[in-house]
Every structure is written in structure tokens, then in C-alpha cells.
Amino acid sequence: MAGHDASVVEVEGPWTHRAVSAGGTRFHVAELGEGPLVLLLHGFPEFWWSWHNQLVSLAAAGYRAAAVDLRGYGGSDKPPRGYDLVTLAGDAAGLVRALGEANAIVVGHDWGGLLAWTTAVYHPKVVQRLAVVGVPHPLRLRQAVRGGLRGGQAWAARHTFGFQVPAWPERRLVRDDAALVGRLLHEWSGPGWPDERTERLVRRAAQIPGAAHSALEYHRWLIRSQPRPDGIRYARRMRAPIHVPTLQLHGALDPCVLPGSAQGSGRYVAAPYRWKLIEGAGHFPHEERPRAFDAQLLGWLSDPEPDH
């Protein structure tokens, strides 16, 4: 059936596709431009295509943009384990080095954002600047979800709780040509997105063998690890302040991660920190409102003292 082959992620464009090995895992990367490295980390349920607008705008602004398929997604390897944020942060740090750089500007959306926050704490030398889209600091997220149903975030994140049961959620995700994946894109975005092409690509990429299972393993680790020693160690380590300039962008209409849940992450940053809402955008502001998003991101990147 179409969409079952990893080659579906090699979408043609001005970018170059390549395979990069980091820590024994092979990653598929789409790359464009020359200059300081910007590593782009996508979220659930997407793949590198999430950043296709930014590959072009960052390259035009004098950066080398590299959008990766995270472990388990798209054209990257889908090993049986390693879907915890500590291992994933190791992937990101390894990718920066495998791309020939000592450090990079790290930009992450959704799960890629949780992974970006984690990389800044666990591998501080690798992250030159941090930009996070559509997701709070992991400890702030925990707090928001524990705030109970009145706060709304536990209800907004109910899909993550639904993904905890084995096997069935994977089947549900890819059933009927991955109809549920398309529905999540529509439900989590503001009006007018996704475009047909993006929806088709994301639904096809979700049907690559192993991709749905791997994507859900991220969600399972997040919940199941909390009472375990590894989860407790992770939460303790994540209290360490972040010492690089940080930009947090969020869609004003995001129904998946509420703006109020994402706010307050600045307390974990002991460096210049900027928070901006993207008006008219839901959970995917970089795709829904690329011009407004790029204006914020590029403006912040060109600011030598991005303090507010």
C-alpha cells in the first residue's frame, strides 16, 4: 500500500536529503543553506516536512538549516528502544557533531521542543541558542497536567493518556489511511490548515512500518517513567537552569498545549528569555503562520542581546 515505504519522506525541493549516523542510529536529514547550524526537531505526528518553510527562510537569512526525522519517525531508524527524552537528547547532540559542528541553534516543536529543552540541560555545550515552539519546559508541563481537569491541560493532553495501552493505539493511528493523523492536524491547528499536501504527506509518513509504534513510545515513556527511578532522576536533573538565550513561541489558539500551560517556563532559564504568542495560530504556528513565525525567529536570531 502506498505510504508504506520510507522513501515517501524524500520530498523534492531546494533542500538536500542525506543519511547521518549518530551514536549507532541512522537519521534522515533534509538540509539547506550555509552558515551557523540550525537543528530543527519536529513534533508528533509529523516528520521533517514540518519545517519545510523554515528550511527556505533560514537558508535565505544565512543559516545552515537541518531538519531531521526524529528517532522512530520518517526515514530515520526505528530501534526497539530509546524513546526516552535523555536518549533523544543524546541523539540531538550526536547529530550536531555528526553534521560537523561543535554546537548549534536548536529549534524544537512539540515533542521536538521537549527534546530541545532536555538537550539544553543534558548537553549544554552543544546548544548555542534554544527556540521552543508549542510546548512548555518538561517540568512546567508536568505541573500544568497535574493542575487537574479544571486547569484544562490534562483534558487537552488526553490523547497521551489514551496512548498508554499497548498495540491498539498504533492500529487506530494508521487505520483508514491514517485518518486519525489527519484529524489530529485539523483539531490542533487554527483555521485554514493543514493544506492538502501536508496532510497527505504526514498521513503517508505515519504509515511507514514501525513509525506509529515508535511515535507512541515517546508518549508512553513520558507517563510511565514518572514514578520510576529513571523518571525521578530526569525530573531532578531538569531543575538545572538553562544558560543560553531562549525563545518560546506559541500559537494563541493552541487547543493541544494551552498557552497558559506553556507560560511560566522562563523560570527555568537563567539567560535572556523571550516569550511570544503567534496570533491566529494553533499548535503548529511555524506551518500555519510561517511569515509571522519567521519574523519572530529570525528577528531573535539576529538580535545580539535577545533579552525580552
C-alpha atoms as a PDB file:
ATOM      1  CA  MET A   1       0.000   0.000   0.000  1.00  0.00           C
ATOM      2  CA  ALA A   2       1.298   3.479  -0.886  1.00  0.00           C
ATOM      3  CA  GLY A   3       2.822   5.299   2.028  1.00  0.00           C
ATOM      4  CA  HIS A   4       4.457   2.194   3.485  1.00  0.00           C
ATOM      5  CA  ASP A   5       7.902   2.942   2.082  1.00  0.00           C
ATOM      6  CA  ALA A   6      10.295   5.325   3.866  1.00  0.00           C
ATOM      7  CA  SER A   7      11.103   6.975   0.522  1.00  0.00           C
ATOM      8  CA  VAL A   8       7.825   8.936   0.856  1.00  0.00           C
ATOM      9  CA  VAL A   9       9.679  11.342   3.148  1.00  0.00           C
ATOM     10  CA  GLU A  10      12.217  12.292   0.466  1.00  0.00           C
ATOM     11  CA  VAL A  11      10.053  15.143  -0.780  1.00  0.00           C
ATOM     12  CA  GLU A  12      11.739  17.077  -3.588  1.00  0.00           C
ATOM     13  CA  GLY A  13      12.641  20.700  -3.058  1.00  0.00           C
ATOM     14  CA  PRO A  14      15.633  23.062  -2.859  1.00  0.00           C
ATOM     15  CA  TRP A  15      16.969  21.034   0.083  1.00  0.00           C
ATOM     16  CA  THR A  16      19.301  18.013   0.044  1.00  0.00           C
ATOM     17  CA  HIS A  17      18.392  14.690   1.634  1.00  0.00           C
ATOM     18  CA  ARG A  18      21.078  12.751   3.448  1.00  0.00           C
ATOM     19  CA  ALA A  19      21.558   9.991   5.988  1.00  0.00           C
ATOM     20  CA  VAL A  20      23.589  10.912   9.067  1.00  0.00           C
ATOM     21  CA  SER A  21      24.731   8.418  11.723  1.00  0.00           C
ATOM     22  CA  ALA A  22      24.853   9.453  15.368  1.00  0.00           C
ATOM     23  CA  GLY A  23      25.536   7.021  18.206  1.00  0.00           C
ATOM     24  CA  GLY A  24      24.878   3.993  16.006  1.00  0.00           C
ATOM     25  CA  THR A  25      21.487   5.264  14.798  1.00  0.00           C
ATOM     26  CA  ARG A  26      20.888   6.470  11.234  1.00  0.00           C
ATOM     27  CA  PHE A  27      18.881   9.636  10.801  1.00  0.00           C
ATOM     28  CA  HIS A  28      17.300  11.116   7.711  1.00  0.00           C
ATOM     29  CA  VAL A  29      18.054  14.843   7.398  1.00  0.00           C
ATOM     30  CA  ALA A  30      16.848  17.485   4.934  1.00  0.00           C
ATOM     31  CA  GLU A  31      19.355  20.306   4.708  1.00  0.00           C
ATOM     32  CA  LEU A  32      19.598  23.722   3.043  1.00  0.00           C
ATOM     33  CA  GLY A  33      21.897  26.727   3.241  1.00  0.00           C
ATOM     34  CA  GLU A  34      25.312  27.632   4.585  1.00  0.00           C
ATOM     35  CA  GLY A  35      26.303  29.339   7.810  1.00  0.00           C
ATOM     36  CA  PRO A  36      25.667  28.686  11.507  1.00  0.00           C
ATOM     37  CA  LEU A  37      23.860  25.368  12.010  1.00  0.00           C
ATOM     38  CA  VAL A  38      20.182  25.412  12.997  1.00  0.00           C
ATOM     39  CA  LEU A  39      18.936  21.947  14.006  1.00  0.00           C
ATOM     40  CA  LEU A  40      15.156  21.638  13.516  1.00  0.00           C
ATOM     41  CA  LEU A  41      13.299  18.999  15.555  1.00  0.00           C
ATOM     42  CA  HIS A  42       9.689  18.185  14.596  1.00  0.00           C
ATOM     43  CA  GLY A  43       6.819  17.059  16.810  1.00  0.00           C
ATOM     44  CA  PHE A  44       4.042  14.461  16.841  1.00  0.00           C
ATOM     45  CA  PRO A  45       2.608  13.187  14.499  1.00  0.00           C
ATOM     46  CA  GLU A  46       4.811  14.795  11.814  1.00  0.00           C
ATOM     47  CA  PHE A  47       8.280  14.357  10.282  1.00  0.00           C
ATOM     48  CA  TRP A  48      10.968  16.742   8.948  1.00  0.00           C
ATOM     49  CA  TRP A  49       8.468  18.304   6.488  1.00  0.00           C
ATOM     50  CA  SER A  50       7.066  20.237   9.450  1.00  0.00           C
ATOM     51  CA  TRP A  51       9.991  22.668   8.872  1.00  0.00           C
ATOM     52  CA  HIS A  52       9.942  22.961   5.060  1.00  0.00           C
ATOM     53  CA  ASN A  53       9.092  26.691   5.214  1.00  0.00           C
ATOM     54  CA  GLN A  54      11.896  27.380   7.698  1.00  0.00           C
ATOM     55  CA  LEU A  55      14.494  25.436   5.705  1.00  0.00           C
ATOM     56  CA  VAL A  56      13.990  28.024   2.969  1.00  0.00           C
ATOM     57  CA  SER A  57      13.705  31.139   5.166  1.00  0.00           C
ATOM     58  CA  LEU A  58      16.669  30.223   7.395  1.00  0.00           C
ATOM     59  CA  ALA A  59      18.867  29.421   4.391  1.00  0.00           C
ATOM     60  CA  ALA A  60      17.922  32.769   2.805  1.00  0.00           C
ATOM     61  CA  ALA A  61      18.889  34.510   6.059  1.00  0.00           C
ATOM     62  CA  GLY A  62      22.395  32.975   6.042  1.00  0.00           C
ATOM     63  CA  TYR A  63      21.971  29.839   8.135  1.00  0.00           C
ATOM     64  CA  ARG A  64      22.545  26.156   7.505  1.00  0.00           C
ATOM     65  CA  ALA A  65      19.178  24.607   8.345  1.00  0.00           C
ATOM     66  CA  ALA A  66      18.938  20.872   9.025  1.00  0.00           C
ATOM     67  CA  ALA A  67      15.519  19.308   9.641  1.00  0.00           C
ATOM     68  CA  VAL A  68      15.785  15.776  10.989  1.00  0.00           C
ATOM     69  CA  ASP A  69      13.344  12.887  11.231  1.00  0.00           C
ATOM     70  CA  LEU A  70      13.462  12.039  14.940  1.00  0.00           C
ATOM     71  CA  ARG A  71      14.304   8.510  16.079  1.00  0.00           C
ATOM     72  CA  GLY A  72      11.437   6.230  15.047  1.00  0.00           C
ATOM     73  CA  TYR A  73       9.971   8.649  12.500  1.00  0.00           C
ATOM     74  CA  GLY A  74      10.084   9.030   8.723  1.00  0.00           C
ATOM     75  CA  GLY A  75      13.318   7.882   7.112  1.00  0.00           C
ATOM     76  CA  SER A  76      15.243   7.510  10.387  1.00  0.00           C
ATOM     77  CA  ASP A  77      15.953   4.209  12.163  1.00  0.00           C
ATOM     78  CA  LYS A  78      13.206   2.717  14.316  1.00  0.00           C
ATOM     79  CA  PRO A  79      15.049   0.796  17.037  1.00  0.00           C
ATOM     80  CA  PRO A  80      13.023  -1.096  19.658  1.00  0.00           C
ATOM     81  CA  ARG A  81      14.031   1.283  22.459  1.00  0.00           C
ATOM     82  CA  GLY A  82      15.493   4.704  23.188  1.00  0.00           C
ATOM     83  CA  TYR A  83      12.300   6.794  23.189  1.00  0.00           C
ATOM     84  CA  ASP A  84      13.046   8.493  26.497  1.00  0.00           C
ATOM     85  CA  LEU A  85      13.986  12.179  26.448  1.00  0.00           C
ATOM     86  CA  VAL A  86      17.500  11.521  27.780  1.00  0.00           C
ATOM     87  CA  THR A  87      18.375   9.162  24.894  1.00  0.00           C
ATOM     88  CA  LEU A  88      16.672  11.503  22.420  1.00  0.00           C
ATOM     89  CA  ALA A  89      18.712  14.445  23.716  1.00  0.00           C
ATOM     90  CA  GLY A  90      21.802  12.300  23.103  1.00  0.00           C
ATOM     91  CA  ASP A  91      20.568  11.827  19.527  1.00  0.00           C
ATOM     92  CA  ALA A  92      20.298  15.599  19.047  1.00  0.00           C
ATOM     93  CA  ALA A  93      23.762  16.256  20.499  1.00  0.00           C
ATOM     94  CA  GLY A  94      25.215  13.448  18.364  1.00  0.00           C
ATOM     95  CA  LEU A  95      23.555  14.855  15.247  1.00  0.00           C
ATOM     96  CA  VAL A  96      25.137  18.285  15.772  1.00  0.00           C
ATOM     97  CA  ARG A  97      28.556  16.650  15.955  1.00  0.00           C
ATOM     98  CA  ALA A  98      27.813  14.305  13.039  1.00  0.00           C
ATOM     99  CA  LEU A  99      26.895  17.383  10.965  1.00  0.00           C
ATOM    100  CA  GLY A 100      30.411  18.649  11.668  1.00  0.00           C
ATOM    101  CA  GLU A 101      29.676  21.311  14.282  1.00  0.00           C
ATOM    102  CA  ALA A 102      30.547  21.728  17.959  1.00  0.00           C
ATOM    103  CA  ASN A 103      27.234  23.434  18.678  1.00  0.00           C
ATOM    104  CA  ALA A 104      24.047  24.635  17.026  1.00  0.00           C
ATOM    105  CA  ILE A 105      20.960  26.746  17.408  1.00  0.00           C
ATOM    106  CA  VAL A 106      18.368  24.135  18.401  1.00  0.00           C
ATOM    107  CA  VAL A 107      14.731  24.714  17.421  1.00  0.00           C
ATOM    108  CA  GLY A 108      12.081  22.200  18.504  1.00  0.00           C
ATOM    109  CA  HIS A 109       8.306  21.914  18.131  1.00  0.00           C
ATOM    110  CA  ASP A 110       6.038  19.824  20.370  1.00  0.00           C
ATOM    111  CA  TRP A 111       7.990  16.611  21.172  1.00  0.00           C
ATOM    112  CA  GLY A 112      10.971  18.143  19.388  1.00  0.00           C
ATOM    113  CA  GLY A 113      10.578  21.029  21.842  1.00  0.00           C
ATOM    114  CA  LEU A 114      10.621  18.756  24.912  1.00  0.00           C
ATOM    115  CA  LEU A 115      13.704  17.177  23.410  1.00  0.00           C
ATOM    116  CA  ALA A 116      15.259  20.634  22.789  1.00  0.00           C
ATOM    117  CA  TRP A 117      14.701  21.699  26.416  1.00  0.00           C
ATOM    118  CA  THR A 118      16.263  18.397  27.536  1.00  0.00           C
ATOM    119  CA  THR A 119      19.281  18.780  25.231  1.00  0.00           C
ATOM    120  CA  ALA A 120      19.959  22.259  26.649  1.00  0.00           C
ATOM    121  CA  VAL A 121      20.155  20.761  30.170  1.00  0.00           C
ATOM    122  CA  TYR A 122      21.928  17.452  29.441  1.00  0.00           C
ATOM    123  CA  HIS A 123      24.284  18.707  26.682  1.00  0.00           C
ATOM    124  CA  PRO A 124      24.673  22.428  27.390  1.00  0.00           C
ATOM    125  CA  LYS A 125      27.828  22.859  25.303  1.00  0.00           C
ATOM    126  CA  VAL A 126      26.011  21.686  22.171  1.00  0.00           C
ATOM    127  CA  VAL A 127      23.207  24.260  22.360  1.00  0.00           C
ATOM    128  CA  GLN A 128      24.174  27.785  21.345  1.00  0.00           C
ATOM    129  CA  ARG A 129      20.622  29.129  21.448  1.00  0.00           C
ATOM    130  CA  LEU A 130      17.298  27.459  22.135  1.00  0.00           C
ATOM    131  CA  ALA A 131      13.942  28.082  20.443  1.00  0.00           C
ATOM    132  CA  VAL A 132      10.919  26.094  21.566  1.00  0.00           C
ATOM    133  CA  VAL A 133       7.561  26.022  19.802  1.00  0.00           C
ATOM    134  CA  GLY A 134       4.184  24.884  21.144  1.00  0.00           C
ATOM    135  CA  VAL A 135       5.415  23.207  24.331  1.00  0.00           C
ATOM    136  CA  PRO A 136       6.478  24.216  27.856  1.00  0.00           C
ATOM    137  CA  HIS A 137       9.562  23.149  29.769  1.00  0.00           C
ATOM    138  CA  PRO A 138       9.012  19.462  30.765  1.00  0.00           C
ATOM    139  CA  LEU A 139       8.652  20.320  34.462  1.00  0.00           C
ATOM    140  CA  ARG A 140       6.171  23.106  33.681  1.00  0.00           C
ATOM    141  CA  LEU A 141       4.207  20.617  31.529  1.00  0.00           C
ATOM    142  CA  ARG A 142       4.052  18.156  34.427  1.00  0.00           C
ATOM    143  CA  GLN A 143       2.804  20.905  36.712  1.00  0.00           C
ATOM    144  CA  ALA A 144       0.133  22.004  34.198  1.00  0.00           C
ATOM    145  CA  VAL A 145      -1.165  18.459  33.687  1.00  0.00           C
ATOM    146  CA  ARG A 146      -1.241  17.835  37.447  1.00  0.00           C
ATOM    147  CA  GLY A 147      -3.207  21.064  37.839  1.00  0.00           C
ATOM    148  CA  GLY A 148      -6.221  18.819  37.278  1.00  0.00           C
ATOM    149  CA  LEU A 149      -9.067  18.968  34.812  1.00  0.00           C
ATOM    150  CA  ARG A 150     -10.065  22.437  35.935  1.00  0.00           C
ATOM    151  CA  GLY A 151      -6.790  23.773  34.544  1.00  0.00           C
ATOM    152  CA  GLY A 152      -7.708  22.131  31.272  1.00  0.00           C
ATOM    153  CA  GLN A 153      -4.257  20.815  30.290  1.00  0.00           C
ATOM    154  CA  ALA A 154      -4.916  17.240  31.434  1.00  0.00           C
ATOM    155  CA  TRP A 155      -8.015  17.206  29.223  1.00  0.00           C
ATOM    156  CA  ALA A 156      -6.151  18.895  26.341  1.00  0.00           C
ATOM    157  CA  ALA A 157      -3.458  16.190  26.599  1.00  0.00           C
ATOM    158  CA  ARG A 158      -5.941  13.294  26.919  1.00  0.00           C
ATOM    159  CA  HIS A 159      -4.544  11.677  23.734  1.00  0.00           C
ATOM    160  CA  THR A 160      -1.287  10.976  25.613  1.00  0.00           C
ATOM    161  CA  PHE A 161      -3.193   9.071  28.298  1.00  0.00           C
ATOM    162  CA  GLY A 162      -5.119   7.176  25.610  1.00  0.00           C
ATOM    163  CA  PHE A 163      -1.804   6.107  24.013  1.00  0.00           C
ATOM    164  CA  GLN A 164      -0.725   4.212  27.153  1.00  0.00           C
ATOM    165  CA  VAL A 165      -2.490   0.952  26.292  1.00  0.00           C
ATOM    166  CA  PRO A 166      -0.425  -1.471  24.183  1.00  0.00           C
ATOM    167  CA  ALA A 167      -0.818  -2.119  20.426  1.00  0.00           C
ATOM    168  CA  TRP A 168      -4.344  -0.794  19.902  1.00  0.00           C
ATOM    169  CA  PRO A 169      -3.446   2.933  19.565  1.00  0.00           C
ATOM    170  CA  GLU A 170      -0.905   2.121  16.812  1.00  0.00           C
ATOM    171  CA  ARG A 171      -3.563   0.327  14.790  1.00  0.00           C
ATOM    172  CA  ARG A 172      -6.027   3.130  15.357  1.00  0.00           C
ATOM    173  CA  LEU A 173      -3.485   5.744  14.245  1.00  0.00           C
ATOM    174  CA  VAL A 174      -2.843   4.135  10.830  1.00  0.00           C
ATOM    175  CA  ARG A 175      -6.335   2.758  10.157  1.00  0.00           C
ATOM    176  CA  ASP A 176      -8.200   4.119   7.081  1.00  0.00           C
ATOM    177  CA  ASP A 177      -5.074   5.618   5.507  1.00  0.00           C
ATOM    178  CA  ALA A 178      -4.062   7.201   8.852  1.00  0.00           C
ATOM    179  CA  ALA A 179      -7.320   9.179   9.056  1.00  0.00           C
ATOM    180  CA  LEU A 180      -6.738   9.878  12.763  1.00  0.00           C
ATOM    181  CA  VAL A 181      -3.394  11.555  11.992  1.00  0.00           C
ATOM    182  CA  GLY A 182      -5.201  13.899   9.613  1.00  0.00           C
ATOM    183  CA  ARG A 183      -7.870  14.564  12.197  1.00  0.00           C
ATOM    184  CA  LEU A 184      -5.298  15.498  14.857  1.00  0.00           C
ATOM    185  CA  LEU A 185      -3.686  18.003  12.478  1.00  0.00           C
ATOM    186  CA  HIS A 186      -7.088  19.641  11.880  1.00  0.00           C
ATOM    187  CA  GLU A 187      -8.180  19.559  15.527  1.00  0.00           C
ATOM    188  CA  TRP A 188      -4.950  21.011  16.905  1.00  0.00           C
ATOM    189  CA  SER A 189      -4.499  23.813  14.375  1.00  0.00           C
ATOM    190  CA  GLY A 190      -6.205  27.151  13.854  1.00  0.00           C
ATOM    191  CA  PRO A 191      -8.482  27.689  10.837  1.00  0.00           C
ATOM    192  CA  GLY A 192      -7.158  27.130   7.303  1.00  0.00           C
ATOM    193  CA  TRP A 193      -4.532  24.466   7.989  1.00  0.00           C
ATOM    194  CA  PRO A 194      -3.331  21.827   7.140  1.00  0.00           C
ATOM    195  CA  ASP A 195      -3.066  22.235   3.398  1.00  0.00           C
ATOM    196  CA  GLU A 196      -3.902  19.129   1.390  1.00  0.00           C
ATOM    197  CA  ARG A 197      -0.295  18.344   0.506  1.00  0.00           C
ATOM    198  CA  THR A 198       0.934  18.486   4.109  1.00  0.00           C
ATOM    199  CA  GLU A 199      -1.927  16.338   5.352  1.00  0.00           C
ATOM    200  CA  ARG A 200      -1.294  13.730   2.657  1.00  0.00           C
ATOM    201  CA  LEU A 201       2.467  13.638   3.364  1.00  0.00           C
ATOM    202  CA  VAL A 202       2.047  13.371   7.137  1.00  0.00           C
ATOM    203  CA  ARG A 203      -0.581  10.635   6.828  1.00  0.00           C
ATOM    204  CA  ARG A 204       1.642   8.652   4.467  1.00  0.00           C
ATOM    205  CA  ALA A 205       4.729   9.059   6.671  1.00  0.00           C
ATOM    206  CA  ALA A 206       2.731   7.778   9.669  1.00  0.00           C
ATOM    207  CA  GLN A 207       2.176   4.513   7.789  1.00  0.00           C
ATOM    208  CA  ILE A 208       5.873   3.729   7.326  1.00  0.00           C
ATOM    209  CA  PRO A 209       6.364   0.391   9.157  1.00  0.00           C
ATOM    210  CA  GLY A 210       7.289   0.986  12.798  1.00  0.00           C
ATOM    211  CA  ALA A 211       6.660   4.749  12.726  1.00  0.00           C
ATOM    212  CA  ALA A 212       3.316   4.735  14.565  1.00  0.00           C
ATOM    213  CA  HIS A 213       4.617   2.430  17.297  1.00  0.00           C
ATOM    214  CA  SER A 214       7.812   4.468  17.770  1.00  0.00           C
ATOM    215  CA  ALA A 215       5.878   7.751  17.914  1.00  0.00           C
ATOM    216  CA  LEU A 216       3.631   6.390  20.659  1.00  0.00           C
ATOM    217  CA  GLU A 217       6.603   5.079  22.657  1.00  0.00           C
ATOM    218  CA  TYR A 218       7.564   8.732  23.325  1.00  0.00           C
ATOM    219  CA  HIS A 219       4.168   9.311  24.965  1.00  0.00           C
ATOM    220  CA  ARG A 220       4.396   6.054  26.922  1.00  0.00           C
ATOM    221  CA  TRP A 221       7.782   6.885  28.403  1.00  0.00           C
ATOM    222  CA  LEU A 222       6.631  10.346  29.462  1.00  0.00           C
ATOM    223  CA  ILE A 223       3.771   8.981  31.590  1.00  0.00           C
ATOM    224  CA  ARG A 224       5.161   5.628  32.729  1.00  0.00           C
ATOM    225  CA  SER A 225       8.577   6.906  33.792  1.00  0.00           C
ATOM    226  CA  GLN A 226       7.231   9.443  36.283  1.00  0.00           C
ATOM    227  CA  PRO A 227       7.133   7.143  39.342  1.00  0.00           C
ATOM    228  CA  ARG A 228      10.198   5.140  38.205  1.00  0.00           C
ATOM    229  CA  PRO A 229      13.830   5.858  39.153  1.00  0.00           C
ATOM    230  CA  ASP A 230      14.682   6.989  35.593  1.00  0.00           C
ATOM    231  CA  GLY A 231      11.784   9.462  35.561  1.00  0.00           C
ATOM    232  CA  ILE A 232      12.614  10.780  39.021  1.00  0.00           C
ATOM    233  CA  ARG A 233      16.296  11.246  38.020  1.00  0.00           C
ATOM    234  CA  TYR A 234      15.189  13.040  34.851  1.00  0.00           C
ATOM    235  CA  ALA A 235      12.880  15.455  36.727  1.00  0.00           C
ATOM    236  CA  ARG A 236      15.622  16.209  39.253  1.00  0.00           C
ATOM    237  CA  ARG A 237      18.188  16.903  36.541  1.00  0.00           C
ATOM    238  CA  MET A 238      15.764  19.118  34.595  1.00  0.00           C
ATOM    239  CA  ARG A 239      15.632  21.556  37.533  1.00  0.00           C
ATOM    240  CA  ALA A 240      19.059  22.797  36.432  1.00  0.00           C
ATOM    241  CA  PRO A 241      18.741  26.245  34.850  1.00  0.00           C
ATOM    242  CA  ILE A 242      19.300  26.762  31.141  1.00  0.00           C
ATOM    243  CA  HIS A 243      22.151  29.158  30.390  1.00  0.00           C
ATOM    244  CA  VAL A 244      21.572  30.027  26.734  1.00  0.00           C
ATOM    245  CA  PRO A 245      19.284  32.655  25.152  1.00  0.00           C
ATOM    246  CA  THR A 246      15.845  31.073  24.815  1.00  0.00           C
ATOM    247  CA  LEU A 247      12.868  31.960  22.635  1.00  0.00           C
ATOM    248  CA  GLN A 248       9.461  30.427  23.285  1.00  0.00           C
ATOM    249  CA  LEU A 249       6.827  30.781  20.561  1.00  0.00           C
ATOM    250  CA  HIS A 250       3.261  29.572  20.967  1.00  0.00           C
ATOM    251  CA  GLY A 251       0.080  29.639  18.912  1.00  0.00           C
ATOM    252  CA  ALA A 252      -2.516  31.844  20.609  1.00  0.00           C
ATOM    253  CA  LEU A 253      -5.259  29.362  19.611  1.00  0.00           C
ATOM    254  CA  ASP A 254      -3.394  26.148  20.564  1.00  0.00           C
ATOM    255  CA  PRO A 255      -6.004  23.657  21.898  1.00  0.00           C
ATOM    256  CA  CYS A 256      -3.467  20.852  22.431  1.00  0.00           C
ATOM    257  CA  VAL A 257      -0.934  22.642  24.640  1.00  0.00           C
ATOM    258  CA  LEU A 258      -2.769  25.606  26.131  1.00  0.00           C
ATOM    259  CA  PRO A 259      -0.815  28.897  26.057  1.00  0.00           C
ATOM    260  CA  GLY A 260      -1.354  29.217  29.822  1.00  0.00           C
ATOM    261  CA  SER A 261       0.273  25.815  30.318  1.00  0.00           C
ATOM    262  CA  ALA A 262       3.322  26.814  28.296  1.00  0.00           C
ATOM    263  CA  GLN A 263       3.763  30.142  30.051  1.00  0.00           C
ATOM    264  CA  GLY A 264       5.922  30.132  33.143  1.00  0.00           C
ATOM    265  CA  SER A 265       8.732  28.118  31.540  1.00  0.00           C
ATOM    266  CA  GLY A 266      11.007  31.151  31.781  1.00  0.00           C
ATOM    267  CA  ARG A 267      11.668  30.352  35.442  1.00  0.00           C
ATOM    268  CA  TYR A 268      13.943  27.525  34.212  1.00  0.00           C
ATOM    269  CA  VAL A 269      16.036  29.886  32.057  1.00  0.00           C
ATOM    270  CA  ALA A 270      18.910  31.820  33.665  1.00  0.00           C
ATOM    271  CA  ALA A 271      19.691  33.667  30.431  1.00  0.00           C
ATOM    272  CA  PRO A 272      17.892  36.122  28.106  1.00  0.00           C
ATOM    273  CA  TYR A 273      14.387  34.728  27.604  1.00  0.00           C
ATOM    274  CA  ARG A 274      11.640  35.845  25.237  1.00  0.00           C
ATOM    275  CA  TRP A 275       8.001  34.653  25.081  1.00  0.00           C
ATOM    276  CA  LYS A 276       5.772  35.494  22.085  1.00  0.00           C
ATOM    277  CA  LEU A 277       2.295  34.396  21.054  1.00  0.00           C
ATOM    278  CA  ILE A 278       1.615  33.915  17.341  1.00  0.00           C
ATOM    279  CA  GLU A 279      -1.897  35.262  16.740  1.00  0.00           C
ATOM    280  CA  GLY A 280      -4.319  33.192  14.681  1.00  0.00           C
ATOM    281  CA  ALA A 281      -2.226  30.023  15.007  1.00  0.00           C
ATOM    282  CA  GLY A 282      -2.951  26.759  16.813  1.00  0.00           C
ATOM    283  CA  HIS A 283      -0.440  24.066  17.716  1.00  0.00           C
ATOM    284  CA  PHE A 284       1.644  24.372  14.508  1.00  0.00           C
ATOM    285  CA  PRO A 285       2.464  28.121  14.274  1.00  0.00           C
ATOM    286  CA  HIS A 286       5.561  27.583  12.103  1.00  0.00           C
ATOM    287  CA  GLU A 287       3.360  25.937   9.475  1.00  0.00           C
ATOM    288  CA  GLU A 288       0.075  27.800   9.994  1.00  0.00           C
ATOM    289  CA  ARG A 289       1.565  31.322  10.085  1.00  0.00           C
ATOM    290  CA  PRO A 290       5.068  30.902   8.613  1.00  0.00           C
ATOM    291  CA  ARG A 291       5.630  34.612   7.909  1.00  0.00           C
ATOM    292  CA  ALA A 292       4.723  35.759  11.397  1.00  0.00           C
ATOM    293  CA  PHE A 293       6.701  32.860  12.866  1.00  0.00           C
ATOM    294  CA  ASP A 294       9.806  33.516  10.760  1.00  0.00           C
ATOM    295  CA  ALA A 295       9.712  37.223  11.628  1.00  0.00           C
ATOM    296  CA  GLN A 296       9.917  36.305  15.326  1.00  0.00           C
ATOM    297  CA  LEU A 297      12.541  33.580  14.911  1.00  0.00           C
ATOM    298  CA  LEU A 298      14.833  35.464  12.514  1.00  0.00           C
ATOM    299  CA  GLY A 299      14.469  38.713  14.455  1.00  0.00           C
ATOM    300  CA  TRP A 300      15.513  36.933  17.641  1.00  0.00           C
ATOM    301  CA  LEU A 301      18.412  35.148  15.935  1.00  0.00           C
ATOM    302  CA  SER A 302      19.791  38.419  14.566  1.00  0.00           C
ATOM    303  CA  ASP A 303      19.486  40.176  17.953  1.00  0.00           C
ATOM    304  CA  PRO A 304      22.811  40.048  19.814  1.00  0.00           C
ATOM    305  CA  GLU A 305      21.053  40.683  23.151  1.00  0.00           C
ATOM    306  CA  PRO A 306      17.636  38.999  22.939  1.00  0.00           C
ATOM    307  CA  ASP A 307      16.513  39.884  26.422  1.00  0.00           C
ATOM    308  CA  HIS A 308      12.725  40.302  26.137  1.00  0.00           C
END
